[in-house]
N, C-alpha and C. Protein backbone atom coordinates (compact mmCIF):
# COMPACT_ATOMS: atom_id res chain seq x y z
N MET A 1 1.06 -1.05 0.04
CA MET A 1 0.10 -0.02 -0.04
C MET A 1 1.11 1.24 0.00
N LEU A 2 0.59 2.27 -1.09
CA LEU A 2 1.38 3.14 -0.82
C LEU A 2 1.17 4.39 0.33
N CYS A 3 2.25 4.88 0.69
CA CYS A 3 1.97 5.90 1.59
C CYS A 3 1.14 7.11 1.37
N ALA A 4 0.13 7.35 2.13
CA ALA A 4 -0.61 8.79 2.28
C ALA A 4 0.21 9.98 1.74
N PRO A 5 -0.37 11.08 1.07
CA PRO A 5 0.63 12.45 1.05
C PRO A 5 0.73 12.99 2.16
N VAL A 6 1.61 13.62 2.39
CA VAL A 6 2.10 14.27 3.43
C VAL A 6 1.86 15.64 3.28
N SER A 7 1.20 16.57 3.91
CA SER A 7 1.03 18.08 3.59
C SER A 7 2.53 18.81 3.94
N PHE A 8 2.53 20.04 3.55
CA PHE A 8 3.95 20.56 3.47
C PHE A 8 3.98 21.11 5.07
N ASN A 9 2.77 21.37 5.83
CA ASN A 9 3.01 21.74 7.04
C ASN A 9 3.54 20.53 7.78
N ARG A 10 2.73 19.42 7.86
CA ARG A 10 3.24 18.18 8.28
C ARG A 10 4.78 17.78 8.34
N LEU A 11 4.98 17.90 6.67
CA LEU A 11 6.57 17.21 6.68
C LEU A 11 7.27 18.60 7.15
N GLY A 12 7.06 19.56 7.13
CA GLY A 12 8.16 20.68 7.89
C GLY A 12 8.08 20.10 9.34
N ARG A 13 6.89 19.78 10.04
CA ARG A 13 7.20 19.51 11.33
C ARG A 13 7.92 18.29 11.39
N LYS A 14 7.77 17.36 10.32
CA LYS A 14 8.90 16.28 10.76
C LYS A 14 10.35 16.31 10.40
N LEU A 15 10.23 17.27 9.63
CA LEU A 15 12.03 17.66 9.19
C LEU A 15 12.29 18.47 10.59
N MET A 16 11.68 19.13 11.06
CA MET A 16 12.03 19.93 12.39
C MET A 16 12.48 18.88 13.51
N SER A 17 11.74 17.93 13.62
CA SER A 17 11.97 16.82 14.44
C SER A 17 13.06 16.30 14.54
N PHE A 18 13.65 15.74 13.05
CA PHE A 18 14.83 15.49 12.78
C PHE A 18 15.79 15.87 13.31
N GLY A 19 16.04 17.38 13.20
CA GLY A 19 17.26 18.11 13.63
C GLY A 19 17.13 18.22 15.26
N VAL A 20 15.98 18.43 15.74
CA VAL A 20 15.98 18.27 17.31
C VAL A 20 16.45 17.07 17.99
N GLY A 21 15.82 15.98 17.03
CA GLY A 21 16.37 14.71 17.60
C GLY A 21 18.01 14.43 17.72
N LEU A 22 18.44 14.97 16.56
CA LEU A 22 20.19 15.15 16.41
C LEU A 22 21.00 15.70 17.63
N LEU A 23 20.38 16.78 17.56
CA LEU A 23 20.88 17.79 18.60
C LEU A 23 20.68 17.62 19.96
N THR A 24 19.64 17.09 20.49
CA THR A 24 19.34 16.68 22.00
C THR A 24 20.30 15.62 22.52
N ARG A 25 20.82 14.67 21.67
CA ARG A 25 21.67 13.56 22.23
C ARG A 25 23.12 14.29 22.89
N SER A 26 23.53 13.41 23.85
CA SER A 26 24.84 13.90 24.47
C SER A 26 25.99 13.72 23.62
N ARG A 27 26.69 14.70 23.58
CA ARG A 27 27.81 14.74 23.07
C ARG A 27 29.15 14.69 23.69
N PRO A 28 30.10 13.86 23.49
CA PRO A 28 31.54 13.84 24.06
C PRO A 28 32.17 15.50 23.66
N LYS A 29 32.77 15.97 24.78
CA LYS A 29 33.56 17.12 24.64
C LYS A 29 34.90 16.61 23.91
N LEU A 30 34.80 17.61 22.65
CA LEU A 30 36.08 17.47 21.70
C LEU A 30 37.11 18.24 22.12
N PRO A 31 38.60 17.54 22.09
CA PRO A 31 39.67 18.43 22.14
C PRO A 31 39.92 19.85 21.19
N ALA A 32 40.33 20.72 21.76
CA ALA A 32 40.73 21.96 21.15
C ALA A 32 41.78 21.62 20.19
N PRO A 33 41.71 22.09 18.83
CA PRO A 33 42.37 22.06 17.83
C PRO A 33 43.53 22.70 17.70
N SER A 34 44.71 22.78 17.14
CA SER A 34 45.67 23.63 16.88
C SER A 34 46.14 23.79 15.49
N LEU A 35 46.33 24.92 15.05
CA LEU A 35 46.57 25.16 13.78
C LEU A 35 47.79 24.82 13.42
N ALA A 36 49.04 24.61 14.26
CA ALA A 36 50.31 24.20 14.26
C ALA A 36 50.07 22.64 13.77
N GLU A 37 49.27 21.92 14.54
CA GLU A 37 49.01 20.71 14.81
C GLU A 37 48.48 19.99 13.22
N ALA A 38 47.41 21.01 12.73
CA ALA A 38 46.66 20.77 11.42
C ALA A 38 48.01 21.13 9.94
N ALA A 39 48.56 22.04 10.52
CA ALA A 39 49.65 22.46 9.45
C ALA A 39 50.79 21.23 9.49
N GLU A 40 51.17 20.76 10.22
CA GLU A 40 52.05 19.54 10.44
C GLU A 40 51.11 18.44 9.67
N LEU A 41 50.16 17.84 10.20
CA LEU A 41 49.27 16.93 9.53
C LEU A 41 49.31 17.14 7.99
N GLN A 42 49.06 18.36 7.51
CA GLN A 42 48.79 18.64 6.12
C GLN A 42 50.19 18.28 5.53
N LYS A 43 51.36 18.97 5.98
CA LYS A 43 52.50 18.87 5.51
C LYS A 43 53.25 17.30 5.56
N HIS A 44 52.88 16.92 6.62
CA HIS A 44 53.33 14.90 6.74
C HIS A 44 52.64 14.46 5.34
N HIS A 45 51.39 14.87 5.05
CA HIS A 45 50.67 13.96 4.26
C HIS A 45 50.74 14.21 2.85
N ASP A 46 51.15 15.49 2.56
CA ASP A 46 51.19 16.11 1.22
C ASP A 46 51.80 15.07 0.01
N ASP A 47 52.97 14.55 0.93
CA ASP A 47 53.81 14.07 -0.20
C ASP A 47 53.32 12.33 0.29
N ASP A 48 52.42 11.63 -0.21
CA ASP A 48 52.19 10.54 -0.14
C ASP A 48 51.25 9.99 -1.23
N PRO A 49 51.91 9.73 -2.31
CA PRO A 49 51.42 9.36 -3.79
C PRO A 49 50.93 8.01 -3.20
N ASP A 50 51.12 6.99 -2.72
CA ASP A 50 50.61 5.68 -2.78
C ASP A 50 49.65 5.64 -1.51
N GLY A 51 49.43 6.48 -0.55
CA GLY A 51 48.74 6.54 0.43
C GLY A 51 49.29 5.55 1.72
N SER A 52 50.48 5.54 1.79
CA SER A 52 50.86 4.61 2.99
C SER A 52 50.85 5.21 4.21
N LYS A 53 51.22 6.48 4.25
CA LYS A 53 51.08 7.35 5.50
C LYS A 53 49.76 7.36 6.00
N PHE A 54 48.54 7.59 4.92
CA PHE A 54 47.29 8.01 5.29
C PHE A 54 46.97 6.65 5.77
N ASN A 55 47.30 5.44 5.37
CA ASN A 55 46.65 3.93 5.77
C ASN A 55 47.50 3.84 7.25
N SER A 56 48.30 4.23 7.36
CA SER A 56 48.90 4.08 9.17
C SER A 56 48.30 4.72 10.20
N LEU A 57 47.15 5.84 9.82
CA LEU A 57 46.54 6.43 10.52
C LEU A 57 45.53 5.67 11.38
N PRO A 58 44.93 6.05 12.71
CA PRO A 58 43.80 5.27 13.09
C PRO A 58 42.98 5.11 12.40
N PRO A 59 42.16 4.09 12.34
CA PRO A 59 40.72 3.96 11.73
C PRO A 59 39.89 4.84 12.32
N LEU A 60 38.72 4.98 11.84
CA LEU A 60 37.44 5.54 12.31
C LEU A 60 36.86 4.66 13.41
N ASP A 61 36.45 5.13 14.47
CA ASP A 61 35.77 4.37 15.58
C ASP A 61 34.27 4.09 15.13
N ALA A 62 33.46 3.80 15.88
CA ALA A 62 31.97 3.66 15.71
C ALA A 62 31.39 5.08 15.80
N SER A 63 31.89 5.42 16.92
CA SER A 63 31.33 7.14 16.99
C SER A 63 31.56 8.07 15.95
N ASP A 64 32.65 7.58 15.37
CA ASP A 64 32.87 8.62 14.00
C ASP A 64 32.21 8.30 12.71
N LEU A 65 31.63 7.05 12.51
CA LEU A 65 30.95 6.71 11.77
C LEU A 65 29.56 6.98 11.71
N HIS A 66 29.27 6.94 13.26
CA HIS A 66 27.80 7.19 13.56
C HIS A 66 27.55 8.79 13.11
N PHE A 67 28.67 9.67 13.45
CA PHE A 67 28.40 11.18 13.15
C PHE A 67 28.66 11.21 11.50
N PHE A 68 29.36 10.62 10.77
CA PHE A 68 29.31 10.72 9.47
C PHE A 68 28.02 10.77 8.98
N GLY A 69 27.36 9.79 9.33
CA GLY A 69 25.92 9.43 8.91
C GLY A 69 24.87 10.37 9.14
N GLU A 70 24.90 10.79 10.51
CA GLU A 70 24.46 12.12 10.74
C GLU A 70 24.77 13.15 9.60
N ILE A 71 25.70 13.40 9.39
CA ILE A 71 25.87 14.49 8.43
C ILE A 71 25.48 14.14 7.02
N THR A 72 25.55 13.10 6.72
CA THR A 72 25.03 12.63 5.35
C THR A 72 23.62 12.62 5.30
N GLN A 73 22.86 12.33 6.31
CA GLN A 73 21.40 12.52 6.40
C GLN A 73 21.02 13.87 6.66
N GLY A 74 21.82 14.43 7.53
CA GLY A 74 21.54 16.01 7.72
C GLY A 74 21.62 16.97 6.48
N MET A 75 22.58 16.45 5.93
CA MET A 75 22.55 17.23 4.36
C MET A 75 21.45 16.87 3.61
N ALA A 76 21.07 15.57 3.64
CA ALA A 76 20.13 14.85 2.56
C ALA A 76 18.87 15.70 3.03
N PHE A 77 18.45 15.91 4.24
CA PHE A 77 17.13 16.63 4.66
C PHE A 77 17.16 18.19 4.38
N ILE A 78 18.44 18.72 4.49
CA ILE A 78 18.61 20.00 4.05
C ILE A 78 18.23 20.52 2.49
N ASP A 79 18.94 19.61 1.76
CA ASP A 79 18.98 19.63 0.43
C ASP A 79 17.60 19.31 -0.02
N PHE A 80 16.78 18.58 0.41
CA PHE A 80 15.31 18.28 0.29
C PHE A 80 14.51 19.48 0.68
N THR A 81 14.97 19.96 1.93
CA THR A 81 13.91 21.28 2.23
C THR A 81 14.25 22.43 1.17
N MET A 82 15.40 22.73 1.11
CA MET A 82 15.68 23.86 0.24
C MET A 82 14.89 23.65 -1.26
N ARG A 83 15.18 22.44 -1.79
CA ARG A 83 14.24 22.11 -3.17
C ARG A 83 12.90 22.44 -2.91
N ARG A 84 12.23 21.84 -1.88
CA ARG A 84 11.10 21.95 -1.40
C ARG A 84 10.53 23.12 -1.92
N ALA A 85 11.51 24.05 -0.87
CA ALA A 85 11.05 25.79 -0.80
C ALA A 85 11.17 26.53 -2.18
N ILE A 86 12.08 26.01 -3.06
CA ILE A 86 12.15 26.58 -4.47
C ILE A 86 10.64 26.08 -5.19
N ALA A 87 10.56 24.86 -5.06
CA ALA A 87 9.17 24.15 -5.97
C ALA A 87 8.03 25.09 -5.27
N VAL A 88 7.96 25.47 -3.99
CA VAL A 88 6.74 26.38 -3.28
C VAL A 88 6.70 27.71 -3.95
N ALA A 89 8.22 28.09 -3.89
CA ALA A 89 7.90 29.71 -4.41
C ALA A 89 7.92 29.67 -5.80
N ASP A 90 8.53 29.00 -6.52
CA ASP A 90 8.21 28.75 -8.11
C ASP A 90 8.28 27.45 -8.72
N PRO A 91 7.02 27.17 -8.81
CA PRO A 91 6.64 25.76 -9.12
C PRO A 91 7.17 25.51 -10.75
N ALA A 92 7.57 26.67 -11.38
CA ALA A 92 7.99 26.57 -12.88
C ALA A 92 9.74 26.78 -12.77
N ALA A 93 10.22 26.71 -11.76
CA ALA A 93 11.54 26.60 -11.88
C ALA A 93 12.19 25.61 -12.06
N LYS A 94 13.52 25.91 -12.81
CA LYS A 94 14.15 25.08 -13.26
C LYS A 94 15.13 24.10 -12.19
N GLU A 95 15.13 22.92 -12.03
CA GLU A 95 15.65 22.13 -11.01
C GLU A 95 17.26 22.47 -11.17
N PRO A 96 17.76 22.90 -9.94
CA PRO A 96 19.15 23.47 -9.74
C PRO A 96 19.95 22.24 -9.77
N SER A 97 21.21 22.23 -10.14
CA SER A 97 22.27 21.19 -9.68
C SER A 97 22.60 21.18 -8.16
N ASP A 98 23.23 20.25 -7.70
CA ASP A 98 23.73 20.36 -6.20
C ASP A 98 24.52 21.81 -5.73
N SER A 99 25.13 22.22 -6.83
CA SER A 99 26.31 23.05 -6.17
C SER A 99 25.38 24.59 -6.36
N ASP A 100 24.03 24.49 -7.06
CA ASP A 100 23.63 25.62 -7.19
C ASP A 100 22.07 25.93 -6.27
N VAL A 101 21.91 24.79 -5.59
CA VAL A 101 20.51 24.72 -4.70
C VAL A 101 20.42 25.99 -4.15
N ALA A 102 21.59 26.16 -3.09
CA ALA A 102 21.37 27.43 -2.16
C ALA A 102 21.30 28.69 -3.11
N ALA A 103 22.08 28.96 -3.95
CA ALA A 103 22.12 30.27 -4.93
C ALA A 103 20.73 30.39 -5.31
N ALA A 104 20.19 29.20 -5.96
CA ALA A 104 18.86 29.51 -6.56
C ALA A 104 17.63 29.80 -5.43
N LEU A 105 17.59 29.19 -4.48
CA LEU A 105 16.90 29.62 -3.32
C LEU A 105 17.07 30.98 -2.79
N THR A 106 18.38 31.58 -2.73
CA THR A 106 18.55 32.84 -2.17
C THR A 106 18.05 33.65 -3.26
N ASN A 107 18.24 33.64 -4.48
CA ASN A 107 17.84 34.43 -5.66
C ASN A 107 15.96 34.30 -5.33
N LEU A 108 15.55 33.01 -5.17
CA LEU A 108 13.96 33.33 -5.11
C LEU A 108 13.58 33.83 -3.78
N LEU A 109 14.05 33.98 -2.78
CA LEU A 109 13.90 34.81 -1.25
C LEU A 109 13.90 36.20 -1.65
N GLY A 110 14.90 36.54 -2.46
CA GLY A 110 15.10 37.99 -2.73
C GLY A 110 13.80 38.29 -3.54
N LEU A 111 13.23 37.45 -4.42
CA LEU A 111 12.06 38.19 -4.92
C LEU A 111 10.66 37.99 -3.95
N VAL A 112 10.85 36.89 -3.40
CA VAL A 112 9.35 36.58 -2.57
C VAL A 112 9.35 37.07 -1.44
N ALA A 113 10.66 37.42 -0.80
CA ALA A 113 10.54 38.29 0.45
C ALA A 113 11.12 39.54 0.90
N ARG A 114 11.43 40.28 -0.32
CA ARG A 114 12.10 41.05 -0.56
C ARG A 114 11.52 42.47 0.37
N GLY A 115 12.12 43.26 1.06
CA GLY A 115 11.91 44.31 1.74
C GLY A 115 11.07 43.60 2.97
N GLN A 116 10.81 42.40 3.14
CA GLN A 116 10.43 42.11 4.57
C GLN A 116 11.44 41.85 5.63
N SER A 117 11.12 41.85 6.87
CA SER A 117 11.98 42.10 7.82
C SER A 117 12.77 40.93 8.28
N HIS A 118 12.49 39.60 7.59
CA HIS A 118 13.05 38.47 7.74
C HIS A 118 13.80 37.97 6.57
N GLU A 119 14.11 39.03 5.34
CA GLU A 119 14.46 38.35 4.21
C GLU A 119 16.24 38.10 4.57
N ALA A 120 16.69 39.14 5.39
CA ALA A 120 18.10 38.90 5.40
C ALA A 120 18.40 37.54 6.51
N GLU A 121 17.29 37.40 7.46
CA GLU A 121 17.68 35.93 8.27
C GLU A 121 17.36 35.00 7.46
N LEU A 122 16.56 34.81 6.50
CA LEU A 122 16.28 33.57 5.72
C LEU A 122 17.47 33.33 5.07
N VAL A 123 17.85 34.42 4.40
CA VAL A 123 19.11 34.35 3.54
C VAL A 123 20.37 33.66 4.33
N SER A 124 20.68 34.18 5.58
CA SER A 124 21.54 33.61 6.52
C SER A 124 21.39 32.25 6.62
N LEU A 125 19.95 31.68 7.16
CA LEU A 125 20.14 30.61 7.49
C LEU A 125 20.29 29.63 6.17
N VAL A 126 20.10 30.00 5.02
CA VAL A 126 20.33 29.35 3.84
C VAL A 126 21.66 28.72 3.73
N ASP A 127 22.69 30.05 3.91
CA ASP A 127 23.98 29.99 4.03
C ASP A 127 24.62 29.31 5.10
N GLN A 128 23.67 29.05 5.92
CA GLN A 128 24.41 28.25 7.27
C GLN A 128 24.20 26.80 6.96
N MET A 129 23.03 26.51 6.47
CA MET A 129 22.51 25.26 5.76
C MET A 129 23.46 24.76 4.87
N GLU A 130 23.83 25.46 3.98
CA GLU A 130 24.79 25.32 2.42
C GLU A 130 26.17 24.75 3.13
N ASN A 131 26.56 25.51 4.49
CA ASN A 131 27.92 25.41 4.96
C ASN A 131 28.28 23.77 5.24
N LEU A 132 27.27 22.95 5.23
CA LEU A 132 27.53 21.65 5.66
C LEU A 132 27.57 20.60 4.51
N ARG A 133 27.55 20.95 3.15
CA ARG A 133 27.62 20.57 2.15
C ARG A 133 29.01 19.97 1.74
N GLU A 134 30.18 21.14 2.10
CA GLU A 134 31.62 20.52 2.12
C GLU A 134 31.81 19.13 2.86
N PHE A 135 31.55 19.36 4.09
CA PHE A 135 31.76 18.19 5.01
C PHE A 135 31.00 16.83 4.66
N ARG A 136 29.84 17.19 3.95
CA ARG A 136 29.06 16.11 3.76
C ARG A 136 29.81 15.45 2.48
N ASN A 137 30.28 16.16 1.61
CA ASN A 137 31.22 15.39 0.52
C ASN A 137 32.26 14.65 0.92
N TYR A 138 32.95 15.22 1.87
CA TYR A 138 34.06 14.61 2.48
C TYR A 138 33.70 13.23 3.12
N VAL A 139 32.62 13.25 3.98
CA VAL A 139 32.41 12.29 4.46
C VAL A 139 31.74 11.01 3.65
N ALA A 140 30.95 11.39 2.64
CA ALA A 140 30.38 10.62 1.79
C ALA A 140 31.33 10.19 0.63
N HIS A 141 31.97 10.83 0.43
CA HIS A 141 33.10 10.58 -1.09
C HIS A 141 34.36 10.43 -0.65
N TRP A 142 35.00 10.76 0.24
CA TRP A 142 36.32 10.57 0.55
C TRP A 142 36.75 9.69 1.71
N MET A 143 38.11 8.90 1.37
CA MET A 143 38.33 7.81 2.42
C MET A 143 38.57 9.16 3.65
N ALA A 144 38.65 8.20 4.89
CA ALA A 144 38.74 9.14 6.19
C ALA A 144 39.60 8.49 7.20
N ARG A 145 40.29 8.99 7.81
CA ARG A 145 41.15 8.35 8.98
C ARG A 145 40.89 9.66 10.15
N SER A 146 41.32 9.12 11.50
CA SER A 146 41.69 9.99 12.49
C SER A 146 43.05 10.36 12.73
N SER A 147 43.39 11.55 13.50
CA SER A 147 44.65 11.97 13.44
C SER A 147 45.22 11.25 14.87
N PRO A 148 46.22 10.82 15.25
CA PRO A 148 46.77 10.20 16.33
C PRO A 148 46.46 11.10 17.47
N CYS A 149 46.49 12.38 17.61
CA CYS A 149 46.00 12.94 18.83
C CYS A 149 44.52 13.09 18.99
N GLY A 150 43.65 12.66 18.07
CA GLY A 150 42.20 12.35 18.11
C GLY A 150 41.61 13.73 18.21
N LYS A 151 42.18 14.73 17.47
CA LYS A 151 41.68 16.22 17.27
C LYS A 151 41.00 16.39 15.89
N PHE A 152 41.49 15.82 14.76
CA PHE A 152 41.22 15.77 13.55
C PHE A 152 40.85 14.95 12.75
N TYR A 153 40.31 14.93 11.68
CA TYR A 153 39.99 13.93 10.49
C TYR A 153 41.00 14.26 9.56
N LEU A 154 41.32 13.20 8.73
CA LEU A 154 41.98 13.52 7.42
C LEU A 154 41.30 12.63 6.54
N PHE A 155 41.20 13.40 5.48
CA PHE A 155 40.58 12.92 4.12
C PHE A 155 41.13 12.82 3.11
N HIS A 156 41.06 11.62 2.27
CA HIS A 156 42.12 11.18 1.07
C HIS A 156 41.13 10.91 0.01
N THR A 157 41.66 11.47 -1.13
CA THR A 157 41.18 11.10 -2.48
C THR A 157 42.02 11.21 -3.57
N THR A 158 41.80 10.54 -4.71
CA THR A 158 42.57 10.47 -5.94
C THR A 158 41.75 11.33 -7.02
N ASN A 159 40.42 11.65 -6.74
CA ASN A 159 39.56 12.27 -7.73
C ASN A 159 39.97 13.56 -7.96
N ARG A 160 40.51 13.96 -9.17
CA ARG A 160 40.95 15.13 -9.45
C ARG A 160 40.25 16.33 -9.41
N LYS A 161 38.88 15.89 -9.99
CA LYS A 161 37.91 16.98 -9.98
C LYS A 161 37.34 17.51 -8.43
N ALA A 162 37.34 16.49 -7.63
CA ALA A 162 37.01 16.80 -6.16
C ALA A 162 37.91 17.46 -5.58
N GLY A 163 39.56 17.24 -5.87
CA GLY A 163 40.51 17.88 -5.20
C GLY A 163 40.71 19.35 -5.78
N GLU A 164 40.28 19.47 -7.00
CA GLU A 164 40.62 20.75 -7.83
C GLU A 164 39.35 21.52 -7.19
N ARG A 165 38.31 21.20 -6.47
CA ARG A 165 37.58 21.86 -6.26
C ARG A 165 37.52 22.76 -5.05
N LYS A 166 38.74 22.30 -4.21
CA LYS A 166 38.99 22.98 -3.00
C LYS A 166 40.20 23.93 -3.17
N SER A 167 39.91 24.99 -2.46
CA SER A 167 41.43 25.77 -2.39
C SER A 167 41.70 26.48 -0.86
N GLY A 168 42.30 27.37 -0.92
CA GLY A 168 42.64 27.95 0.37
C GLY A 168 43.75 27.34 1.04
N GLY A 169 44.76 26.62 0.19
CA GLY A 169 45.52 26.08 0.66
C GLY A 169 45.54 24.53 1.68
N GLN A 170 44.52 24.28 1.58
CA GLN A 170 44.12 23.02 2.22
C GLN A 170 44.70 21.65 1.45
N ILE A 171 44.32 21.67 0.02
CA ILE A 171 44.89 20.85 -0.86
C ILE A 171 45.25 21.27 -2.04
N ASN A 172 46.14 20.52 -2.33
CA ASN A 172 47.01 20.67 -3.77
C ASN A 172 46.33 21.27 -5.02
N THR A 173 46.42 22.21 -5.60
CA THR A 173 45.76 22.30 -6.80
C THR A 173 46.53 23.25 -7.98
N PRO A 174 46.35 22.62 -9.18
CA PRO A 174 45.74 21.50 -9.67
C PRO A 174 46.43 20.27 -9.35
N VAL A 175 45.45 19.30 -9.37
CA VAL A 175 45.96 17.78 -8.88
C VAL A 175 46.55 17.09 -10.22
N PRO A 176 47.82 16.77 -10.07
CA PRO A 176 48.62 15.79 -10.76
C PRO A 176 47.57 14.72 -10.87
N ALA A 177 47.56 13.66 -12.32
CA ALA A 177 47.18 12.62 -12.39
C ALA A 177 47.72 11.66 -11.22
N GLY A 178 46.92 10.91 -10.61
CA GLY A 178 47.28 9.96 -9.62
C GLY A 178 48.03 10.63 -8.64
N LYS A 179 48.04 11.64 -8.18
CA LYS A 179 48.27 12.49 -7.04
C LYS A 179 46.89 12.12 -5.94
N ALA A 180 47.43 11.85 -4.60
CA ALA A 180 46.64 11.76 -3.65
C ALA A 180 46.51 12.91 -2.94
N VAL A 181 45.25 13.21 -2.69
CA VAL A 181 44.70 14.40 -2.10
C VAL A 181 44.45 14.67 -0.68
N PHE A 182 44.45 15.49 0.25
CA PHE A 182 44.38 15.62 1.49
C PHE A 182 43.65 16.70 1.98
N ALA A 183 42.68 16.40 3.00
CA ALA A 183 41.99 17.46 3.41
C ALA A 183 42.30 17.31 4.92
N VAL A 184 42.75 18.17 5.74
CA VAL A 184 42.52 18.23 7.12
C VAL A 184 41.73 19.04 7.83
N VAL A 185 40.78 18.31 8.64
CA VAL A 185 39.64 19.04 9.42
C VAL A 185 39.74 18.63 10.86
N ALA A 186 39.36 19.91 11.70
CA ALA A 186 39.27 19.71 13.05
C ALA A 186 37.73 18.87 13.17
N GLN A 187 38.02 18.02 14.28
CA GLN A 187 36.66 17.42 14.57
C GLN A 187 35.75 18.45 15.52
N ARG A 188 36.34 19.03 16.22
CA ARG A 188 35.26 20.25 16.90
C ARG A 188 34.69 21.02 15.87
N ASP A 189 35.38 21.54 14.90
CA ASP A 189 34.93 22.55 13.62
C ASP A 189 33.69 21.86 13.15
N MET A 190 33.76 20.47 12.55
CA MET A 190 32.89 19.82 11.74
C MET A 190 31.60 19.55 12.61
N ARG A 191 32.27 19.38 14.19
CA ARG A 191 30.77 19.11 14.87
C ARG A 191 29.98 20.56 15.27
N ARG A 192 30.75 21.75 15.15
CA ARG A 192 29.91 22.88 15.37
C ARG A 192 29.15 23.25 13.98
N ARG A 193 29.83 23.16 13.01
CA ARG A 193 29.04 23.31 11.63
C ARG A 193 27.98 22.47 11.36
N PHE A 194 28.18 21.29 11.82
CA PHE A 194 26.82 20.40 11.70
C PHE A 194 25.65 20.90 12.34
N GLU A 195 26.02 21.09 13.89
CA GLU A 195 24.93 21.64 14.63
C GLU A 195 24.45 22.84 14.32
N THR A 196 25.11 24.00 13.87
CA THR A 196 24.69 25.28 13.40
C THR A 196 23.60 25.12 12.13
N ALA A 197 24.27 24.03 11.19
CA ALA A 197 23.14 23.65 10.06
C ALA A 197 21.93 23.22 10.41
N MET A 198 22.08 22.28 11.18
CA MET A 198 20.78 21.55 11.52
C MET A 198 19.97 22.32 12.32
N HIS A 199 20.45 23.43 13.35
CA HIS A 199 19.36 24.70 13.89
C HIS A 199 19.10 25.46 13.03
N ALA A 200 19.88 25.90 11.78
CA ALA A 200 19.22 26.60 10.91
C ALA A 200 18.23 26.17 9.81
N HIS A 201 18.45 24.68 9.71
CA HIS A 201 17.05 23.91 9.04
C HIS A 201 16.00 23.74 9.97
N ASP A 202 16.09 23.67 11.19
CA ASP A 202 15.03 23.83 12.26
C ASP A 202 14.15 25.09 12.05
N ALA A 203 14.98 26.25 11.97
CA ALA A 203 14.42 27.56 12.01
C ALA A 203 13.88 27.94 10.55
N PHE A 204 14.52 27.34 9.42
CA PHE A 204 14.24 28.00 8.19
C PHE A 204 12.84 26.95 7.83
N SER A 205 12.73 25.76 8.25
CA SER A 205 11.59 24.96 7.87
C SER A 205 10.32 25.59 9.03
N LEU A 206 10.52 26.14 9.94
CA LEU A 206 9.67 26.56 10.95
C LEU A 206 9.03 28.16 10.48
N SER A 207 10.17 28.94 9.94
CA SER A 207 9.53 30.06 9.23
C SER A 207 8.71 29.78 7.67
N LEU A 208 8.91 28.84 7.09
CA LEU A 208 8.42 28.98 5.67
C LEU A 208 7.41 27.66 5.57
N PHE A 209 7.42 26.75 6.67
CA PHE A 209 6.31 25.83 6.30
C PHE A 209 5.55 25.38 7.77
């Protein structure tokens, strides 16, 4: 038997309950990261074409894998909510690519909420939600290990396109063929960005649906 249709308002409440459920669980206190430690890890692994240094790092434990699953599902809900908001605001809108969803929604908000007091707040919430996509891409598409100090995740790929999309000194660009690419991310920063994105998702859903 097919599931009965769910109204936008009911679906919005279901989406909000997802974020609340994630954020009310107890979380371990994560150690403070150090920029020097991150730079040393990056330097150590930049010259590792065969991945041998990466493979010697501690593997992810059950709590890491659970957190990666939360990020993946959290971004799935965020992406769904943003696409649904676009469809509600403009049923004739062309479906955007993954990288263009937030920009398309922001442009529509500028039209439907222009001049309203909450326009800037809605745009800010979209930015906070979209900021999780980078980490979702890491945990869903890149190999991952933990740092020996337990403060960082190291992500590894030989996907040249994925590596070349990154900048800011974290990853070598352009990426030579066969070159391993690394990203070093503080676990505490990833947790904070996840929680910020899910709070933004809840607030955005409440505002629109």
